[in-house]
Amino acid sequence: MKNILLVCAAGMSTSMLVNKMQKAAEGKGEDININATSGGDIKSYIGDADVLLLGPQVSYLKDDYTKQYGGANGIPVEVINSLDYGTMNGEKVLDWALELIN
């Protein structure tokens, strides 16, 4: 099973995106676990994550999270495209996350 972790300021707006991504995953028959959290709770989820996606509002955390969790032996850390985030395009974000994992 693949694990995708989304982080935003409070975890609220990304929760809506997670729902859209889950529906897209079900439609594709993918077995994927997707979680949303705030930056303060990231340590509760990061251990299982295969990719870490940041909401545009916390893009300033990318360098720090890349140092902590990314790098040569870590997981991909990227910022979600603002347009895809704003339109809650769960399918597109899911496809991109799967590309990053593979």
N, C-alpha and C. Protein backbone atom coordinates (compact mmCIF):
# COMPACT_ATOMS: atom_id res chain seq x y z
N MET A 1 0.83 -1.18 0.00
CA MET A 1 0.00 0.00 0.00
C MET A 1 0.88 1.24 0.00
N LYS A 2 0.49 2.21 -0.79
CA LYS A 2 1.21 3.48 -0.85
C LYS A 2 0.59 4.44 0.15
N ASN A 3 1.43 5.29 0.73
CA ASN A 3 0.98 6.27 1.72
C ASN A 3 1.36 7.67 1.28
N ILE A 4 0.35 8.53 1.15
CA ILE A 4 0.54 9.91 0.75
C ILE A 4 0.17 10.79 1.93
N LEU A 5 1.04 11.75 2.26
CA LEU A 5 0.78 12.67 3.36
C LEU A 5 0.72 14.09 2.83
N LEU A 6 -0.37 14.78 3.15
CA LEU A 6 -0.54 16.19 2.78
C LEU A 6 -0.46 17.03 4.04
N VAL A 7 0.24 18.16 3.95
CA VAL A 7 0.38 19.06 5.09
C VAL A 7 -0.08 20.45 4.69
N CYS A 8 -0.90 21.05 5.56
CA CYS A 8 -1.27 22.45 5.36
C CYS A 8 -1.23 23.13 6.72
N ALA A 9 -1.65 24.37 6.78
CA ALA A 9 -1.53 25.15 8.01
C ALA A 9 -2.32 24.52 9.15
N ALA A 10 -3.57 24.15 8.91
CA ALA A 10 -4.40 23.60 9.99
C ALA A 10 -4.89 22.19 9.68
N GLY A 11 -4.64 21.70 8.47
CA GLY A 11 -5.10 20.36 8.10
C GLY A 11 -6.52 20.33 7.59
N MET A 12 -7.19 21.47 7.56
CA MET A 12 -8.60 21.52 7.18
C MET A 12 -8.81 21.52 5.67
N SER A 13 -8.18 22.45 4.98
CA SER A 13 -8.41 22.54 3.54
C SER A 13 -7.87 21.30 2.82
N THR A 14 -6.79 20.75 3.31
CA THR A 14 -6.25 19.56 2.66
C THR A 14 -7.16 18.35 2.91
N SER A 15 -7.94 18.37 3.96
CA SER A 15 -8.87 17.27 4.21
C SER A 15 -9.87 17.13 3.06
N MET A 16 -10.30 18.25 2.51
CA MET A 16 -11.21 18.22 1.37
C MET A 16 -10.50 17.61 0.16
N LEU A 17 -9.25 17.99 -0.05
CA LEU A 17 -8.49 17.45 -1.17
C LEU A 17 -8.26 15.96 -0.99
N VAL A 18 -8.01 15.53 0.24
CA VAL A 18 -7.82 14.11 0.52
C VAL A 18 -9.06 13.32 0.09
N ASN A 19 -10.24 13.83 0.40
CA ASN A 19 -11.48 13.14 0.01
C ASN A 19 -11.57 12.97 -1.50
N LYS A 20 -11.22 14.02 -2.23
CA LYS A 20 -11.24 13.95 -3.70
C LYS A 20 -10.20 12.96 -4.21
N MET A 21 -9.03 12.95 -3.57
CA MET A 21 -7.97 12.02 -3.98
C MET A 21 -8.37 10.57 -3.68
N GLN A 22 -9.02 10.35 -2.55
CA GLN A 22 -9.49 9.00 -2.19
C GLN A 22 -10.49 8.49 -3.22
N LYS A 23 -11.42 9.35 -3.63
CA LYS A 23 -12.41 8.96 -4.64
C LYS A 23 -11.72 8.62 -5.96
N ALA A 24 -10.73 9.41 -6.33
CA ALA A 24 -9.99 9.15 -7.57
C ALA A 24 -9.24 7.83 -7.46
N ALA A 25 -8.66 7.54 -6.31
CA ALA A 25 -7.92 6.29 -6.10
C ALA A 25 -8.86 5.09 -6.19
N GLU A 26 -10.03 5.21 -5.59
CA GLU A 26 -11.02 4.14 -5.66
C GLU A 26 -11.44 3.89 -7.10
N GLY A 27 -11.62 4.97 -7.85
CA GLY A 27 -12.00 4.85 -9.25
C GLY A 27 -10.95 4.15 -10.10
N LYS A 28 -9.71 4.24 -9.68
CA LYS A 28 -8.61 3.60 -10.40
C LYS A 28 -8.29 2.22 -9.83
N GLY A 29 -8.96 1.84 -8.74
CA GLY A 29 -8.69 0.56 -8.11
C GLY A 29 -7.37 0.53 -7.37
N GLU A 30 -6.87 1.70 -6.97
CA GLU A 30 -5.59 1.81 -6.27
C GLU A 30 -5.80 1.64 -4.76
N ASP A 31 -4.90 0.92 -4.11
CA ASP A 31 -4.92 0.76 -2.66
C ASP A 31 -3.95 1.77 -2.06
N ILE A 32 -4.49 2.93 -1.68
CA ILE A 32 -3.65 4.03 -1.23
C ILE A 32 -4.22 4.60 0.07
N ASN A 33 -3.33 4.91 0.98
CA ASN A 33 -3.70 5.57 2.22
C ASN A 33 -3.28 7.03 2.11
N ILE A 34 -4.23 7.94 2.27
CA ILE A 34 -3.95 9.37 2.13
C ILE A 34 -4.36 10.06 3.43
N ASN A 35 -3.44 10.81 4.01
CA ASN A 35 -3.72 11.55 5.24
C ASN A 35 -3.41 13.02 5.06
N ALA A 36 -4.13 13.85 5.82
CA ALA A 36 -3.86 15.29 5.87
C ALA A 36 -3.61 15.66 7.31
N THR A 37 -2.66 16.55 7.53
CA THR A 37 -2.33 16.99 8.87
C THR A 37 -1.78 18.40 8.84
N SER A 38 -1.67 18.97 10.01
CA SER A 38 -1.00 20.26 10.13
C SER A 38 0.49 20.01 10.33
N GLY A 39 1.29 21.02 10.15
CA GLY A 39 2.72 20.87 10.33
C GLY A 39 3.09 20.43 11.75
N GLY A 40 2.30 20.83 12.72
CA GLY A 40 2.58 20.47 14.10
C GLY A 40 2.40 18.99 14.40
N ASP A 41 1.59 18.30 13.60
CA ASP A 41 1.32 16.87 13.83
C ASP A 41 2.02 15.96 12.83
N ILE A 42 2.93 16.49 12.04
CA ILE A 42 3.55 15.71 10.97
C ILE A 42 4.25 14.45 11.48
N LYS A 43 4.85 14.52 12.66
CA LYS A 43 5.61 13.38 13.17
C LYS A 43 4.73 12.16 13.43
N SER A 44 3.45 12.37 13.62
CA SER A 44 2.52 11.25 13.84
C SER A 44 2.30 10.44 12.57
N TYR A 45 2.55 11.04 11.40
CA TYR A 45 2.23 10.41 10.12
C TYR A 45 3.44 10.14 9.24
N ILE A 46 4.52 10.86 9.42
CA ILE A 46 5.63 10.85 8.46
C ILE A 46 6.31 9.48 8.34
N GLY A 47 6.28 8.69 9.38
CA GLY A 47 6.97 7.40 9.36
C GLY A 47 6.48 6.45 8.29
N ASP A 48 5.20 6.54 7.94
CA ASP A 48 4.62 5.66 6.93
C ASP A 48 4.55 6.28 5.54
N ALA A 49 4.86 7.56 5.43
CA ALA A 49 4.65 8.28 4.17
C ALA A 49 5.66 7.88 3.09
N ASP A 50 5.14 7.74 1.87
CA ASP A 50 5.98 7.50 0.70
C ASP A 50 6.24 8.81 -0.05
N VAL A 51 5.41 9.81 0.20
CA VAL A 51 5.57 11.13 -0.40
C VAL A 51 4.92 12.14 0.54
N LEU A 52 5.51 13.33 0.60
CA LEU A 52 4.99 14.42 1.42
C LEU A 52 4.66 15.59 0.51
N LEU A 53 3.38 15.95 0.49
CA LEU A 53 2.92 17.06 -0.35
C LEU A 53 2.47 18.21 0.55
N LEU A 54 2.95 19.39 0.25
CA LEU A 54 2.63 20.58 1.04
C LEU A 54 1.60 21.44 0.34
N GLY A 55 0.63 21.93 1.10
CA GLY A 55 -0.31 22.89 0.55
C GLY A 55 0.43 24.17 0.21
N PRO A 56 -0.04 24.91 -0.78
CA PRO A 56 0.66 26.13 -1.20
C PRO A 56 0.88 27.13 -0.07
N GLN A 57 -0.04 27.16 0.90
CA GLN A 57 0.07 28.12 2.00
C GLN A 57 1.22 27.81 2.96
N VAL A 58 1.78 26.60 2.88
CA VAL A 58 2.94 26.25 3.72
C VAL A 58 4.16 25.90 2.86
N SER A 59 4.20 26.44 1.67
CA SER A 59 5.32 26.15 0.76
C SER A 59 6.67 26.58 1.37
N TYR A 60 6.63 27.54 2.29
CA TYR A 60 7.87 28.00 2.93
C TYR A 60 8.52 26.90 3.78
N LEU A 61 7.80 25.82 4.06
CA LEU A 61 8.34 24.71 4.85
C LEU A 61 9.09 23.67 4.01
N LYS A 62 9.05 23.83 2.69
CA LYS A 62 9.62 22.81 1.82
C LYS A 62 11.10 22.54 2.11
N ASP A 63 11.90 23.55 2.22
CA ASP A 63 13.33 23.34 2.46
C ASP A 63 13.58 22.61 3.78
N ASP A 64 12.88 23.04 4.83
CA ASP A 64 13.05 22.38 6.13
C ASP A 64 12.62 20.91 6.07
N TYR A 65 11.48 20.66 5.48
CA TYR A 65 10.98 19.27 5.41
C TYR A 65 11.83 18.41 4.49
N THR A 66 12.37 19.01 3.44
CA THR A 66 13.27 18.26 2.56
C THR A 66 14.52 17.84 3.33
N LYS A 67 15.04 18.74 4.14
CA LYS A 67 16.22 18.40 4.96
C LYS A 67 15.89 17.32 5.98
N GLN A 68 14.73 17.41 6.60
CA GLN A 68 14.35 16.45 7.64
C GLN A 68 13.92 15.10 7.09
N TYR A 69 13.12 15.11 6.02
CA TYR A 69 12.49 13.87 5.56
C TYR A 69 12.84 13.46 4.15
N GLY A 70 13.43 14.35 3.39
CA GLY A 70 13.74 14.06 1.99
C GLY A 70 15.18 13.66 1.81
N GLY A 71 15.76 14.13 0.75
CA GLY A 71 17.17 13.81 0.49
C GLY A 71 17.33 12.46 -0.19
N ALA A 72 18.55 12.01 -0.28
CA ALA A 72 18.89 10.79 -1.02
C ALA A 72 18.19 9.55 -0.46
N ASN A 73 18.05 9.46 0.84
CA ASN A 73 17.44 8.28 1.45
C ASN A 73 16.03 8.51 1.95
N GLY A 74 15.50 9.70 1.69
CA GLY A 74 14.19 10.05 2.21
C GLY A 74 13.09 9.95 1.18
N ILE A 75 12.03 10.66 1.46
CA ILE A 75 10.86 10.64 0.60
C ILE A 75 10.79 11.94 -0.21
N PRO A 76 10.10 11.92 -1.34
CA PRO A 76 9.91 13.16 -2.09
C PRO A 76 9.09 14.16 -1.27
N VAL A 77 9.49 15.42 -1.30
CA VAL A 77 8.78 16.50 -0.64
C VAL A 77 8.53 17.58 -1.68
N GLU A 78 7.25 17.84 -1.96
CA GLU A 78 6.91 18.82 -3.00
C GLU A 78 5.72 19.67 -2.57
N VAL A 79 5.56 20.81 -3.23
CA VAL A 79 4.43 21.71 -2.99
C VAL A 79 3.38 21.45 -4.06
N ILE A 80 2.14 21.31 -3.63
CA ILE A 80 1.03 21.08 -4.55
C ILE A 80 0.81 22.32 -5.40
N ASN A 81 0.61 22.11 -6.69
CA ASN A 81 0.32 23.19 -7.62
C ASN A 81 -0.88 24.00 -7.11
N SER A 82 -0.74 25.33 -7.08
CA SER A 82 -1.78 26.21 -6.54
C SER A 82 -3.12 26.06 -7.25
N LEU A 83 -3.09 25.92 -8.56
CA LEU A 83 -4.33 25.78 -9.33
C LEU A 83 -5.02 24.46 -8.99
N ASP A 84 -4.25 23.37 -8.94
CA ASP A 84 -4.83 22.07 -8.61
C ASP A 84 -5.36 22.06 -7.19
N TYR A 85 -4.66 22.74 -6.29
CA TYR A 85 -5.11 22.83 -4.90
C TYR A 85 -6.38 23.66 -4.81
N GLY A 86 -6.38 24.81 -5.44
CA GLY A 86 -7.52 25.71 -5.39
C GLY A 86 -8.79 25.13 -5.99
N THR A 87 -8.63 24.32 -7.04
CA THR A 87 -9.79 23.70 -7.68
C THR A 87 -10.09 22.32 -7.10
N MET A 88 -9.29 21.91 -6.11
CA MET A 88 -9.46 20.60 -5.46
C MET A 88 -9.47 19.47 -6.49
N ASN A 89 -8.50 19.51 -7.40
CA ASN A 89 -8.39 18.51 -8.45
C ASN A 89 -7.69 17.26 -7.90
N GLY A 90 -8.47 16.46 -7.19
CA GLY A 90 -7.93 15.29 -6.52
C GLY A 90 -7.28 14.29 -7.45
N GLU A 91 -7.86 14.10 -8.62
CA GLU A 91 -7.30 13.13 -9.56
C GLU A 91 -5.92 13.55 -10.04
N LYS A 92 -5.77 14.82 -10.37
CA LYS A 92 -4.48 15.30 -10.87
C LYS A 92 -3.42 15.25 -9.77
N VAL A 93 -3.77 15.64 -8.55
CA VAL A 93 -2.81 15.60 -7.45
C VAL A 93 -2.44 14.15 -7.12
N LEU A 94 -3.42 13.26 -7.17
CA LEU A 94 -3.14 11.84 -6.94
C LEU A 94 -2.17 11.30 -7.99
N ASP A 95 -2.45 11.56 -9.25
CA ASP A 95 -1.57 11.07 -10.32
C ASP A 95 -0.14 11.59 -10.15
N TRP A 96 -0.02 12.85 -9.78
CA TRP A 96 1.29 13.46 -9.56
C TRP A 96 1.99 12.81 -8.38
N ALA A 97 1.26 12.58 -7.29
CA ALA A 97 1.84 11.94 -6.10
C ALA A 97 2.35 10.54 -6.46
N LEU A 98 1.59 9.79 -7.24
CA LEU A 98 2.01 8.45 -7.64
C LEU A 98 3.25 8.50 -8.51
N GLU A 99 3.35 9.50 -9.38
CA GLU A 99 4.57 9.68 -10.19
C GLU A 99 5.77 9.93 -9.29
N LEU A 100 5.59 10.75 -8.27
CA LEU A 100 6.69 11.06 -7.35
C LEU A 100 7.13 9.82 -6.58
N ILE A 101 6.19 8.97 -6.23
CA ILE A 101 6.52 7.74 -5.49
C ILE A 101 7.29 6.78 -6.38
N ASN A 102 6.84 6.67 -7.62
CA ASN A 102 7.47 5.74 -8.56
C ASN A 102 8.69 6.38 -9.17
